[in-house]
Each structure stands twice: as structure tokens, then as C-alpha cells.
Amino acid sequence: MRKSNLLLAAAGSLALAACGGTDDASMEAEADTVEMPADTALEDVTEEPVADADANAEDAAVTEQTAEDAANAAADVAAAAEAAAAAAEQ
């Protein structure tokens, strides 16, 4: 299984390496669209800023009961994870 995966990966890399289409190996790669993102980033912004109503919203206070429920749920998940790990080792 490992050998076939290795051979498949090697064949895939050779196939991708063969996809090059340049006739002259000394020719440097040219990116025709390199300047396009820079030009669009420099355009003027015409939209007005919008206030975010939820930006200053306060989070609900955590009650002691909510904290205990979260702690109990976390302990249950940890116990289930330990049991699954122990079952996987056997």
C-alpha cells in the first residue's frame, strides 16, 4: 500500500512537471496580471461608512449555573474522549 502510494505520488509529480510549456528554459516567468490587484486597491472609495448596530452590544453575563453547565459538559466530553482513546488502544 505504501509503495503504491509512493509510486502514484511520483507519477503525479512527474506529470505536473511535464506540463510546462516554455521552449526556452532561461526565460523568466512573467505575470501579466500582477498589477491588476494593486490598481483596484488604489481606487477611490465612494461608499459612505455604515454604523454597525452590534458593535457596541454587550454580551450577556454568564451566570453561575451557565458556567457549571458548561464545565459539566466539558468534563463529559473529556471523559468520552478518554474512553474512546482507551478503547482504541485495546
PDB file of N, CA and C in Angstrom:
ATOM      1  N   MET A   1       0.822  -1.182   0.000  1.00  0.00           N
ATOM      2  CA  MET A   1       0.000   0.000   0.000  1.00  0.00           C
ATOM      3  C   MET A   1       0.872   1.252   0.000  1.00  0.00           C
ATOM      4  N   ARG A   2       1.910   1.266   0.836  1.00  0.00           N
ATOM      5  CA  ARG A   2       2.795   2.422   0.877  1.00  0.00           C
ATOM      6  C   ARG A   2       3.520   2.597  -0.449  1.00  0.00           C
ATOM      7  N   LYS A   3       3.942   1.464  -1.014  1.00  0.00           N
ATOM      8  CA  LYS A   3       4.701   1.529  -2.257  1.00  0.00           C
ATOM      9  C   LYS A   3       3.833   2.077  -3.386  1.00  0.00           C
ATOM     10  N   SER A   4       2.572   1.648  -3.429  1.00  0.00           N
ATOM     11  CA  SER A   4       1.691   2.136  -4.493  1.00  0.00           C
ATOM     12  C   SER A   4       1.384   3.619  -4.303  1.00  0.00           C
ATOM     13  N   ASN A   5       1.241   4.070  -3.051  1.00  0.00           N
ATOM     14  CA  ASN A   5       1.020   5.499  -2.803  1.00  0.00           C
ATOM     15  C   ASN A   5       2.232   6.314  -3.222  1.00  0.00           C
ATOM     16  N   LEU A   6       3.418   5.798  -2.936  1.00  0.00           N
ATOM     17  CA  LEU A   6       4.641   6.494  -3.313  1.00  0.00           C
ATOM     18  C   LEU A   6       4.778   6.564  -4.828  1.00  0.00           C
ATOM     19  N   LEU A   7       4.483   5.459  -5.503  1.00  0.00           N
ATOM     20  CA  LEU A   7       4.563   5.451  -6.963  1.00  0.00           C
ATOM     21  C   LEU A   7       3.527   6.383  -7.578  1.00  0.00           C
ATOM     22  N   LEU A   8       2.341   6.413  -7.012  1.00  0.00           N
ATOM     23  CA  LEU A   8       1.298   7.298  -7.512  1.00  0.00           C
ATOM     24  C   LEU A   8       1.690   8.763  -7.315  1.00  0.00           C
ATOM     25  N   ALA A   9       2.267   9.087  -6.174  1.00  0.00           N
ATOM     26  CA  ALA A   9       2.707  10.461  -5.921  1.00  0.00           C
ATOM     27  C   ALA A   9       3.841  10.851  -6.864  1.00  0.00           C
ATOM     28  N   ALA A  10       4.770   9.932  -7.102  1.00  0.00           N
ATOM     29  CA  ALA A  10       5.881  10.221  -8.014  1.00  0.00           C
ATOM     30  C   ALA A  10       5.371  10.414  -9.436  1.00  0.00           C
ATOM     31  N   ALA A  11       4.433   9.575  -9.859  1.00  0.00           N
ATOM     32  CA  ALA A  11       3.882   9.714 -11.210  1.00  0.00           C
ATOM     33  C   ALA A  11       3.116  11.023 -11.349  1.00  0.00           C
ATOM     34  N   GLY A  12       2.395  11.407 -10.312  1.00  0.00           N
ATOM     35  CA  GLY A  12       1.665  12.677 -10.345  1.00  0.00           C
ATOM     36  C   GLY A  12       2.592  13.861 -10.429  1.00  0.00           C
ATOM     37  N   SER A  13       3.700  13.835  -9.660  1.00  0.00           N
ATOM     38  CA  SER A  13       4.635  14.956  -9.735  1.00  0.00           C
ATOM     39  C   SER A  13       5.338  15.028 -11.074  1.00  0.00           C
ATOM     40  N   LEU A  14       5.652  13.884 -11.644  1.00  0.00           N
ATOM     41  CA  LEU A  14       6.270  13.906 -12.973  1.00  0.00           C
ATOM     42  C   LEU A  14       5.289  14.414 -14.023  1.00  0.00           C
ATOM     43  N   ALA A  15       4.036  14.049 -13.902  1.00  0.00           N
ATOM     44  CA  ALA A  15       3.034  14.527 -14.853  1.00  0.00           C
ATOM     45  C   ALA A  15       2.857  16.035 -14.738  1.00  0.00           C
ATOM     46  N   LEU A  16       2.854  16.559 -13.516  1.00  0.00           N
ATOM     47  CA  LEU A  16       2.738  18.003 -13.352  1.00  0.00           C
ATOM     48  C   LEU A  16       3.983  18.728 -13.835  1.00  0.00           C
ATOM     49  N   ALA A  17       5.136  18.129 -13.657  1.00  0.00           N
ATOM     50  CA  ALA A  17       6.372  18.754 -14.123  1.00  0.00           C
ATOM     51  C   ALA A  17       6.421  18.791 -15.640  1.00  0.00           C
ATOM     52  N   ALA A  18       5.782  17.847 -16.286  1.00  0.00           N
ATOM     53  CA  ALA A  18       5.790  17.794 -17.744  1.00  0.00           C
ATOM     54  C   ALA A  18       4.820  18.796 -18.354  1.00  0.00           C
ATOM     55  N   CYS A  19       4.013  19.452 -17.553  1.00  0.00           N
ATOM     56  CA  CYS A  19       3.017  20.385 -18.075  1.00  0.00           C
ATOM     57  C   CYS A  19       3.608  21.732 -18.468  1.00  0.00           C
ATOM     58  N   GLY A  20       4.857  21.990 -18.158  1.00  0.00           N
ATOM     59  CA  GLY A  20       5.474  23.265 -18.509  1.00  0.00           C
ATOM     60  C   GLY A  20       5.458  23.474 -20.006  1.00  0.00           C
ATOM     61  N   GLY A  21       5.215  24.708 -20.445  1.00  0.00           N
ATOM     62  CA  GLY A  21       5.068  24.936 -21.868  1.00  0.00           C
ATOM     63  C   GLY A  21       6.106  25.878 -22.445  1.00  0.00           C
ATOM     64  N   THR A  22       7.166  26.179 -21.773  1.00  0.00           N
ATOM     65  CA  THR A  22       8.163  27.100 -22.304  1.00  0.00           C
ATOM     66  C   THR A  22       9.193  26.353 -23.136  1.00  0.00           C
ATOM     67  N   ASP A  23       9.610  26.969 -24.212  1.00  0.00           N
ATOM     68  CA  ASP A  23      10.631  26.370 -25.061  1.00  0.00           C
ATOM     69  C   ASP A  23      12.027  26.786 -24.623  1.00  0.00           C
ATOM     70  N   ASP A  24      12.117  27.923 -23.952  1.00  0.00           N
ATOM     71  CA  ASP A  24      13.406  28.447 -23.528  1.00  0.00           C
ATOM     72  C   ASP A  24      13.468  28.396 -22.005  1.00  0.00           C
ATOM     73  N   ALA A  25      14.340  27.577 -21.463  1.00  0.00           N
ATOM     74  CA  ALA A  25      14.427  27.402 -20.019  1.00  0.00           C
ATOM     75  C   ALA A  25      14.980  28.640 -19.327  1.00  0.00           C
ATOM     76  N   SER A  26      15.695  29.496 -20.050  1.00  0.00           N
ATOM     77  CA  SER A  26      16.267  30.678 -19.423  1.00  0.00           C
ATOM     78  C   SER A  26      15.262  31.825 -19.335  1.00  0.00           C
ATOM     79  N   MET A  27      14.125  31.689 -19.987  1.00  0.00           N
ATOM     80  CA  MET A  27      13.127  32.749 -19.963  1.00  0.00           C
ATOM     81  C   MET A  27      12.470  32.798 -18.585  1.00  0.00           C
ATOM     82  N   GLU A  28      12.423  33.973 -17.983  1.00  0.00           N
ATOM     83  CA  GLU A  28      11.822  34.117 -16.666  1.00  0.00           C
ATOM     84  C   GLU A  28      10.307  34.136 -16.782  1.00  0.00           C
ATOM     85  N   ALA A  29       9.667  33.690 -15.738  1.00  0.00           N
ATOM     86  CA  ALA A  29       8.207  33.687 -15.727  1.00  0.00           C
ATOM     87  C   ALA A  29       7.704  35.119 -15.656  1.00  0.00           C
ATOM     88  N   GLU A  30       6.699  35.430 -16.451  1.00  0.00           N
ATOM     89  CA  GLU A  30       6.130  36.765 -16.468  1.00  0.00           C
ATOM     90  C   GLU A  30       4.681  36.686 -16.010  1.00  0.00           C
ATOM     91  N   ALA A  31       4.341  37.506 -15.063  1.00  0.00           N
ATOM     92  CA  ALA A  31       2.961  37.554 -14.600  1.00  0.00           C
ATOM     93  C   ALA A  31       2.300  38.775 -15.217  1.00  0.00           C
ATOM     94  N   ASP A  32       1.305  38.545 -16.070  1.00  0.00           N
ATOM     95  CA  ASP A  32       0.654  39.644 -16.768  1.00  0.00           C
ATOM     96  C   ASP A  32      -0.346  40.382 -15.888  1.00  0.00           C
ATOM     97  N   THR A  33      -0.866  39.734 -14.890  1.00  0.00           N
ATOM     98  CA  THR A  33      -1.922  40.350 -14.083  1.00  0.00           C
ATOM     99  C   THR A  33      -1.434  40.769 -12.703  1.00  0.00           C
ATOM    100  N   VAL A  34      -0.144  40.949 -12.539  1.00  0.00           N
ATOM    101  CA  VAL A  34       0.388  41.306 -11.227  1.00  0.00           C
ATOM    102  C   VAL A  34      -0.093  42.684 -10.803  1.00  0.00           C
ATOM    103  N   GLU A  35      -0.165  43.625 -11.720  1.00  0.00           N
ATOM    104  CA  GLU A  35      -0.523  44.989 -11.372  1.00  0.00           C
ATOM    105  C   GLU A  35      -2.021  45.193 -11.201  1.00  0.00           C
ATOM    106  N   MET A  36      -2.839  44.281 -11.693  1.00  0.00           N
ATOM    107  CA  MET A  36      -4.285  44.468 -11.633  1.00  0.00           C
ATOM    108  C   MET A  36      -4.806  44.571 -10.198  1.00  0.00           C
ATOM    109  N   PRO A  37      -4.453  43.683  -9.259  1.00  0.00           N
ATOM    110  CA  PRO A  37      -4.967  43.839  -7.892  1.00  0.00           C
ATOM    111  C   PRO A  37      -4.485  45.124  -7.230  1.00  0.00           C
ATOM    112  N   ALA A  38      -3.264  45.547  -7.533  1.00  0.00           N
ATOM    113  CA  ALA A  38      -2.754  46.777  -6.937  1.00  0.00           C
ATOM    114  C   ALA A  38      -3.532  47.983  -7.440  1.00  0.00           C
ATOM    115  N   ASP A  39      -3.916  47.989  -8.713  1.00  0.00           N
ATOM    116  CA  ASP A  39      -4.676  49.110  -9.256  1.00  0.00           C
ATOM    117  C   ASP A  39      -6.060  49.187  -8.629  1.00  0.00           C
ATOM    118  N   THR A  40      -6.705  48.051  -8.443  1.00  0.00           N
ATOM    119  CA  THR A  40      -8.048  48.084  -7.859  1.00  0.00           C
ATOM    120  C   THR A  40      -8.001  48.475  -6.389  1.00  0.00           C
ATOM    121  N   ALA A  41      -6.925  48.189  -5.702  1.00  0.00           N
ATOM    122  CA  ALA A  41      -6.814  48.565  -4.295  1.00  0.00           C
ATOM    123  C   ALA A  41      -6.614  50.065  -4.141  1.00  0.00           C
ATOM    124  N   LEU A  42      -6.065  50.721  -5.157  1.00  0.00           N
ATOM    125  CA  LEU A  42      -5.797  52.150  -5.079  1.00  0.00           C
ATOM    126  C   LEU A  42      -6.960  53.007  -5.558  1.00  0.00           C
ATOM    127  N   GLU A  43      -8.032  52.396  -6.033  1.00  0.00           N
ATOM    128  CA  GLU A  43      -9.186  53.171  -6.480  1.00  0.00           C
ATOM    129  C   GLU A  43      -9.822  53.880  -5.287  1.00  0.00           C
ATOM    130  N   ASP A  44     -10.448  55.031  -5.565  1.00  0.00           N
ATOM    131  CA  ASP A  44     -11.095  55.795  -4.500  1.00  0.00           C
ATOM    132  C   ASP A  44     -12.326  55.063  -3.982  1.00  0.00           C
ATOM    133  N   VAL A  45     -12.551  55.171  -2.701  1.00  0.00           N
ATOM    134  CA  VAL A  45     -13.733  54.585  -2.080  1.00  0.00           C
ATOM    135  C   VAL A  45     -14.841  55.628  -2.142  1.00  0.00           C
ATOM    136  N   THR A  46     -15.983  55.246  -2.708  1.00  0.00           N
ATOM    137  CA  THR A  46     -17.084  56.198  -2.855  1.00  0.00           C
ATOM    138  C   THR A  46     -18.235  55.904  -1.907  1.00  0.00           C
ATOM    139  N   GLU A  47     -18.264  54.752  -1.280  1.00  0.00           N
ATOM    140  CA  GLU A  47     -19.356  54.402  -0.384  1.00  0.00           C
ATOM    141  C   GLU A  47     -19.182  55.109   0.958  1.00  0.00           C
ATOM    142  N   GLU A  48     -20.316  55.392   1.579  1.00  0.00           N
ATOM    143  CA  GLU A  48     -20.309  56.004   2.902  1.00  0.00           C
ATOM    144  C   GLU A  48     -20.177  54.907   3.961  1.00  0.00           C
ATOM    145  N   PRO A  49     -19.493  55.179   5.063  1.00  0.00           N
ATOM    146  CA  PRO A  49     -19.397  54.173   6.120  1.00  0.00           C
ATOM    147  C   PRO A  49     -20.768  53.938   6.762  1.00  0.00           C
ATOM    148  N   VAL A  50     -20.991  52.721   7.204  1.00  0.00           N
ATOM    149  CA  VAL A  50     -22.262  52.345   7.818  1.00  0.00           C
ATOM    150  C   VAL A  50     -21.997  51.948   9.263  1.00  0.00           C
ATOM    151  N   ALA A  51     -22.819  52.454  10.156  1.00  0.00           N
ATOM    152  CA  ALA A  51     -22.662  52.125  11.575  1.00  0.00           C
ATOM    153  C   ALA A  51     -23.123  50.693  11.822  1.00  0.00           C
ATOM    154  N   ASP A  52     -22.349  49.959  12.598  1.00  0.00           N
ATOM    155  CA  ASP A  52     -22.685  48.585  12.956  1.00  0.00           C
ATOM    156  C   ASP A  52     -23.423  48.611  14.290  1.00  0.00           C
ATOM    157  N   ALA A  53     -24.685  48.235  14.265  1.00  0.00           N
ATOM    158  CA  ALA A  53     -25.501  48.292  15.478  1.00  0.00           C
ATOM    159  C   ALA A  53     -25.019  47.311  16.537  1.00  0.00           C
ATOM    160  N   ASP A  54     -24.415  46.208  16.126  1.00  0.00           N
ATOM    161  CA  ASP A  54     -23.965  45.197  17.083  1.00  0.00           C
ATOM    162  C   ASP A  54     -22.548  45.437  17.585  1.00  0.00           C
ATOM    163  N   ALA A  55     -21.906  46.491  17.132  1.00  0.00           N
ATOM    164  CA  ALA A  55     -20.513  46.716  17.503  1.00  0.00           C
ATOM    165  C   ALA A  55     -20.359  46.992  18.992  1.00  0.00           C
ATOM    166  N   ASN A  56     -21.295  47.713  19.565  1.00  0.00           N
ATOM    167  CA  ASN A  56     -21.189  48.068  20.979  1.00  0.00           C
ATOM    168  C   ASN A  56     -22.123  47.254  21.863  1.00  0.00           C
ATOM    169  N   ALA A  57     -22.719  46.217  21.320  1.00  0.00           N
ATOM    170  CA  ALA A  57     -23.633  45.387  22.106  1.00  0.00           C
ATOM    171  C   ALA A  57     -22.852  44.620  23.164  1.00  0.00           C
ATOM    172  N   GLU A  58     -23.404  44.600  24.356  1.00  0.00           N
ATOM    173  CA  GLU A  58     -22.737  43.894  25.445  1.00  0.00           C
ATOM    174  C   GLU A  58     -23.167  42.430  25.444  1.00  0.00           C
ATOM    175  N   ASP A  59     -22.230  41.549  25.737  1.00  0.00           N
ATOM    176  CA  ASP A  59     -22.541  40.129  25.834  1.00  0.00           C
ATOM    177  C   ASP A  59     -23.340  39.875  27.113  1.00  0.00           C
ATOM    178  N   ALA A  60     -24.164  38.866  27.057  1.00  0.00           N
ATOM    179  CA  ALA A  60     -24.949  38.506  28.239  1.00  0.00           C
ATOM    180  C   ALA A  60     -24.012  38.014  29.336  1.00  0.00           C
ATOM    181  N   ALA A  61     -24.313  38.395  30.547  1.00  0.00           N
ATOM    182  CA  ALA A  61     -23.484  37.987  31.676  1.00  0.00           C
ATOM    183  C   ALA A  61     -23.616  36.480  31.891  1.00  0.00           C
ATOM    184  N   VAL A  62     -22.513  35.855  32.234  1.00  0.00           N
ATOM    185  CA  VAL A  62     -22.503  34.418  32.483  1.00  0.00           C
ATOM    186  C   VAL A  62     -22.916  34.187  33.930  1.00  0.00           C
ATOM    187  N   THR A  63     -23.961  33.414  34.095  1.00  0.00           N
ATOM    188  CA  THR A  63     -24.414  33.107  35.450  1.00  0.00           C
ATOM    189  C   THR A  63     -23.635  31.905  35.975  1.00  0.00           C
ATOM    190  N   GLU A  64     -23.744  31.696  37.273  1.00  0.00           N
ATOM    191  CA  GLU A  64     -23.039  30.566  37.876  1.00  0.00           C
ATOM    192  C   GLU A  64     -23.576  29.244  37.333  1.00  0.00           C
ATOM    193  N   GLN A  65     -24.886  29.180  37.109  1.00  0.00           N
ATOM    194  CA  GLN A  65     -25.493  27.957  36.583  1.00  0.00           C
ATOM    195  C   GLN A  65     -24.987  27.671  35.169  1.00  0.00           C
ATOM    196  N   THR A  66     -24.886  28.708  34.341  1.00  0.00           N
ATOM    197  CA  THR A  66     -24.394  28.527  32.977  1.00  0.00           C
ATOM    198  C   THR A  66     -22.948  28.048  32.984  1.00  0.00           C
ATOM    199  N   ALA A  67     -22.137  28.618  33.866  1.00  0.00           N
ATOM    200  CA  ALA A  67     -20.738  28.212  33.965  1.00  0.00           C
ATOM    201  C   ALA A  67     -20.623  26.762  34.426  1.00  0.00           C
ATOM    202  N   GLU A  68     -21.445  26.377  35.395  1.00  0.00           N
ATOM    203  CA  GLU A  68     -21.409  24.994  35.875  1.00  0.00           C
ATOM    204  C   GLU A  68     -21.863  24.022  34.793  1.00  0.00           C
ATOM    205  N   ASP A  69     -22.900  24.398  34.045  1.00  0.00           N
ATOM    206  CA  ASP A  69     -23.369  23.544  32.950  1.00  0.00           C
ATOM    207  C   ASP A  69     -22.280  23.357  31.896  1.00  0.00           C
ATOM    208  N   ALA A  70     -21.575  24.439  31.574  1.00  0.00           N
ATOM    209  CA  ALA A  70     -20.501  24.352  30.586  1.00  0.00           C
ATOM    210  C   ALA A  70     -19.356  23.488  31.101  1.00  0.00           C
ATOM    211  N   ALA A  71     -19.026  23.628  32.383  1.00  0.00           N
ATOM    212  CA  ALA A  71     -17.953  22.820  32.968  1.00  0.00           C
ATOM    213  C   ALA A  71     -18.332  21.343  32.982  1.00  0.00           C
ATOM    214  N   ASN A  72     -19.581  21.041  33.316  1.00  0.00           N
ATOM    215  CA  ASN A  72     -20.034  19.647  33.325  1.00  0.00           C
ATOM    216  C   ASN A  72     -20.023  19.057  31.921  1.00  0.00           C
ATOM    217  N   ALA A  73     -20.444  19.840  30.942  1.00  0.00           N
ATOM    218  CA  ALA A  73     -20.431  19.359  29.559  1.00  0.00           C
ATOM    219  C   ALA A  73     -19.003  19.101  29.094  1.00  0.00           C
ATOM    220  N   ALA A  74     -18.081  19.982  29.474  1.00  0.00           N
ATOM    221  CA  ALA A  74     -16.681  19.790  29.100  1.00  0.00           C
ATOM    222  C   ALA A  74     -16.104  18.543  29.763  1.00  0.00           C
ATOM    223  N   ALA A  75     -16.466  18.305  31.012  1.00  0.00           N
ATOM    224  CA  ALA A  75     -15.990  17.108  31.711  1.00  0.00           C
ATOM    225  C   ALA A  75     -16.545  15.848  31.058  1.00  0.00           C
ATOM    226  N   ASP A  76     -17.805  15.889  30.627  1.00  0.00           N
ATOM    227  CA  ASP A  76     -18.396  14.735  29.942  1.00  0.00           C
ATOM    228  C   ASP A  76     -17.690  14.451  28.622  1.00  0.00           C
ATOM    229  N   VAL A  77     -17.375  15.503  27.888  1.00  0.00           N
ATOM    230  CA  VAL A  77     -16.674  15.329  26.609  1.00  0.00           C
ATOM    231  C   VAL A  77     -15.276  14.775  26.844  1.00  0.00           C
ATOM    232  N   ALA A  78     -14.580  15.277  27.867  1.00  0.00           N
ATOM    233  CA  ALA A  78     -13.241  14.780  28.171  1.00  0.00           C
ATOM    234  C   ALA A  78     -13.286  13.306  28.572  1.00  0.00           C
ATOM    235  N   ALA A  79     -14.277  12.923  29.357  1.00  0.00           N
ATOM    236  CA  ALA A  79     -14.403  11.521  29.764  1.00  0.00           C
ATOM    237  C   ALA A  79     -14.696  10.636  28.561  1.00  0.00           C
ATOM    238  N   ALA A  80     -15.541  11.107  27.653  1.00  0.00           N
ATOM    239  CA  ALA A  80     -15.848  10.331  26.448  1.00  0.00           C
ATOM    240  C   ALA A  80     -14.615  10.195  25.560  1.00  0.00           C
ATOM    241  N   ALA A  81     -13.813  11.251  25.478  1.00  0.00           N
ATOM    242  CA  ALA A  81     -12.596  11.191  24.669  1.00  0.00           C
ATOM    243  C   ALA A  81     -11.593  10.217  25.270  1.00  0.00           C
ATOM    244  N   GLU A  82     -11.458  10.230  26.591  1.00  0.00           N
ATOM    245  CA  GLU A  82     -10.545   9.293  27.252  1.00  0.00           C
ATOM    246  C   GLU A  82     -11.013   7.854  27.060  1.00  0.00           C
ATOM    247  N   ALA A  83     -12.318   7.631  27.140  1.00  0.00           N
ATOM    248  CA  ALA A  83     -12.853   6.280  26.949  1.00  0.00           C
ATOM    249  C   ALA A  83     -12.630   5.809  25.515  1.00  0.00           C
ATOM    250  N   ALA A  84     -12.798   6.699  24.561  1.00  0.00           N
ATOM    251  CA  ALA A  84     -12.577   6.338  23.159  1.00  0.00           C
ATOM    252  C   ALA A  84     -11.103   6.043  22.903  1.00  0.00           C
ATOM    253  N   ALA A  85     -10.214   6.823  23.522  1.00  0.00           N
ATOM    254  CA  ALA A  85      -8.784   6.579  23.354  1.00  0.00           C
ATOM    255  C   ALA A  85      -8.383   5.254  23.982  1.00  0.00           C
ATOM    256  N   ALA A  86      -8.949   4.941  25.144  1.00  0.00           N
ATOM    257  CA  ALA A  86      -8.639   3.674  25.808  1.00  0.00           C
ATOM    258  C   ALA A  86      -9.167   2.498  24.994  1.00  0.00           C
ATOM    259  N   ALA A  87     -10.342   2.656  24.405  1.00  0.00           N
ATOM    260  CA  ALA A  87     -10.912   1.583  23.582  1.00  0.00           C
ATOM    261  C   ALA A  87     -10.104   1.384  22.305  1.00  0.00           C
ATOM    262  N   ALA A  88      -9.554   2.449  21.768  1.00  0.00           N
ATOM    263  CA  ALA A  88      -8.763   2.347  20.540  1.00  0.00           C
ATOM    264  C   ALA A  88      -7.424   1.667  20.791  1.00  0.00           C
ATOM    265  N   GLU A  89      -6.883   1.809  21.994  1.00  0.00           N
ATOM    266  CA  GLU A  89      -5.592   1.201  22.314  1.00  0.00           C
ATOM    267  C   GLU A  89      -5.712  -0.303  22.525  1.00  0.00           C
ATOM    268  N   GLN A  90      -6.894  -0.797  22.868  1.00  0.00           N
ATOM    269  CA  GLN A  90      -7.055  -2.224  23.163  1.00  0.00           C
ATOM    270  C   GLN A  90      -7.296  -3.011  21.948  1.00  0.00           C
TER     271      GLN A  90
END
